[in-house]
N, C-alpha and C. Protein backbone atom coordinates (compact mmCIF):
# COMPACT_ATOMS: atom_id res chain seq x y z
N UNK A 1 1.03 -0.96 0.16
CA UNK A 1 0.06 -0.17 0.31
C UNK A 1 0.66 1.19 0.20
N UNK A 2 2.25 1.15 0.19
CA UNK A 2 3.40 2.25 0.54
C UNK A 2 3.24 2.83 -0.88
N UNK A 3 3.24 1.58 -1.95
CA UNK A 3 3.84 2.16 -3.50
C UNK A 3 2.85 3.25 -3.82
N UNK A 4 1.59 2.13 -3.57
CA UNK A 4 0.26 3.43 -3.82
C UNK A 4 0.32 4.49 -3.33
N UNK A 5 0.72 4.83 -2.10
CA UNK A 5 0.42 6.02 -1.71
C UNK A 5 1.40 7.06 -2.13
N UNK A 6 2.81 6.44 -2.50
CA UNK A 6 3.33 7.12 -2.76
C UNK A 6 3.43 8.00 -4.52
N UNK A 7 2.30 6.87 -5.13
CA UNK A 7 2.00 7.15 -6.61
C UNK A 7 1.50 8.50 -6.46
N UNK A 8 0.32 7.96 -5.19
CA UNK A 8 -0.88 9.54 -5.51
C UNK A 8 -0.46 10.73 -4.59
N UNK A 9 0.04 10.68 -3.42
CA UNK A 9 0.90 11.66 -3.27
C UNK A 9 2.29 11.97 -2.92
N UNK A 10 3.19 11.39 -3.73
CA UNK A 10 4.43 11.88 -4.04
C UNK A 10 5.02 11.69 -2.86
N UNK A 11 6.35 12.78 -2.40
CA UNK A 11 6.69 12.71 -1.14
C UNK A 11 6.23 13.01 -0.18
N UNK A 12 5.27 13.12 0.00
CA UNK A 12 4.35 13.99 0.79
C UNK A 12 3.57 12.75 2.04
N UNK A 13 4.10 11.49 1.11
CA UNK A 13 3.65 10.20 1.80
C UNK A 13 4.63 9.86 3.68
N UNK A 14 5.80 10.79 2.92
CA UNK A 14 6.99 9.99 4.42
C UNK A 14 6.22 10.65 5.71
N UNK A 15 5.97 9.72 6.64
CA UNK A 15 5.13 10.06 8.25
C UNK A 15 3.87 9.94 7.90
N UNK A 16 3.41 9.05 6.84
CA UNK A 16 1.85 8.69 7.48
C UNK A 16 1.73 7.87 8.24
N UNK A 17 0.76 8.13 9.28
CA UNK A 17 0.84 7.04 9.99
C UNK A 17 -0.64 6.15 9.29
N UNK A 18 -0.71 4.65 10.11
CA UNK A 18 -2.04 4.45 10.19
C UNK A 18 -3.23 4.59 10.32
N UNK A 19 -3.39 5.48 11.11
CA UNK A 19 -4.73 6.86 11.22
C UNK A 19 -4.45 7.25 10.19
N UNK A 20 -3.75 8.25 9.31
CA UNK A 20 -3.77 8.56 8.34
C UNK A 20 -4.41 7.92 7.38
N UNK A 21 -4.02 7.17 7.17
CA UNK A 21 -4.17 6.23 6.16
C UNK A 21 -5.82 5.93 6.37
N UNK A 22 -6.09 5.01 7.25
CA UNK A 22 -7.59 4.65 7.26
C UNK A 22 -8.42 6.03 6.85
N UNK A 23 -8.08 7.20 8.26
CA UNK A 23 -8.98 8.47 6.97
C UNK A 23 -9.25 8.73 5.65
N UNK A 24 -7.83 8.55 4.90
CA UNK A 24 -7.85 8.61 3.58
C UNK A 24 -9.25 7.66 3.14
N UNK A 25 -8.74 6.32 3.60
CA UNK A 25 -9.18 5.67 3.05
C UNK A 25 -11.30 5.66 3.11
N UNK A 26 -11.35 6.09 4.30
CA UNK A 26 -12.88 6.52 4.32
C UNK A 26 -13.03 7.30 3.70
N UNK A 27 -12.65 8.44 3.53
CA UNK A 27 -12.88 9.75 3.10
C UNK A 27 -13.12 8.88 1.07
N UNK A 28 -12.43 8.31 0.45
CA UNK A 28 -12.32 8.44 -0.23
C UNK A 28 -13.50 7.02 -0.92
N UNK A 29 -13.73 5.94 0.20
CA UNK A 29 -14.77 4.79 0.10
C UNK A 29 -16.10 6.35 -0.24
N UNK A 30 -16.04 6.52 0.68
CA UNK A 30 -17.61 7.89 0.99
C UNK A 30 -17.90 8.92 -0.41
N UNK A 31 -16.92 9.06 -1.25
CA UNK A 31 -16.71 10.33 -2.34
C UNK A 31 -16.91 9.19 -3.35
N UNK A 32 -16.13 8.20 -3.28
CA UNK A 32 -16.49 6.94 -4.44
C UNK A 32 -18.22 6.43 -4.43
N UNK A 33 -18.79 6.33 -3.34
CA UNK A 33 -20.02 5.72 -3.33
C UNK A 33 -21.14 6.98 -3.40
N UNK A 34 -20.85 8.61 -3.50
CA UNK A 34 -21.37 9.19 -3.89
C UNK A 34 -21.13 9.60 -5.37
N UNK A 35 -20.26 8.91 -6.17
CA UNK A 35 -19.92 9.38 -7.27
C UNK A 35 -21.02 7.92 -7.95
N UNK A 36 -21.24 6.56 -7.83
CA UNK A 36 -21.33 5.96 -8.11
C UNK A 36 -22.79 6.20 -8.15
N UNK A 37 -23.44 6.64 -6.96
CA UNK A 37 -24.89 6.78 -7.07
C UNK A 37 -25.43 8.77 -8.06
N UNK A 38 -24.26 8.87 -8.40
CA UNK A 38 -24.70 10.36 -8.87
C UNK A 38 -25.83 10.44 -9.83
N UNK A 39 -26.56 11.06 -10.16
CA UNK A 39 -27.58 11.13 -11.04
C UNK A 39 -27.31 11.33 -12.27
N UNK A 40 -27.33 10.23 -13.25
CA UNK A 40 -27.09 10.60 -14.67
C UNK A 40 -28.22 10.55 -15.71
N UNK A 41 -29.15 10.61 -15.41
CA UNK A 41 -30.49 10.80 -15.91
C UNK A 41 -30.45 12.13 -17.18
N UNK A 42 -29.52 13.38 -17.05
CA UNK A 42 -30.08 14.58 -17.67
C UNK A 42 -28.93 14.42 -18.49
N UNK A 43 -27.70 12.84 -18.77
CA UNK A 43 -26.94 12.89 -19.58
C UNK A 43 -27.22 12.17 -21.17
N UNK A 44 -26.78 12.89 -22.44
CA UNK A 44 -26.95 11.98 -23.42
C UNK A 44 -26.01 11.15 -23.55
N UNK A 45 -26.47 10.12 -23.93
CA UNK A 45 -25.47 8.96 -24.78
C UNK A 45 -25.56 9.13 -26.27
N UNK A 46 -24.13 8.64 -26.63
CA UNK A 46 -23.74 8.59 -27.85
C UNK A 46 -24.37 7.63 -28.72
């Protein structure tokens, strides 16, 4: 997982605690859930 965070956040990953990683994961999951549930009814398809 360290490699994944390094690729996402760059050098800022140094010193991230397990608690930080857990908080990021929870936030990303919540945003992903919202994204999956977004209303697409007003979009026109090709």
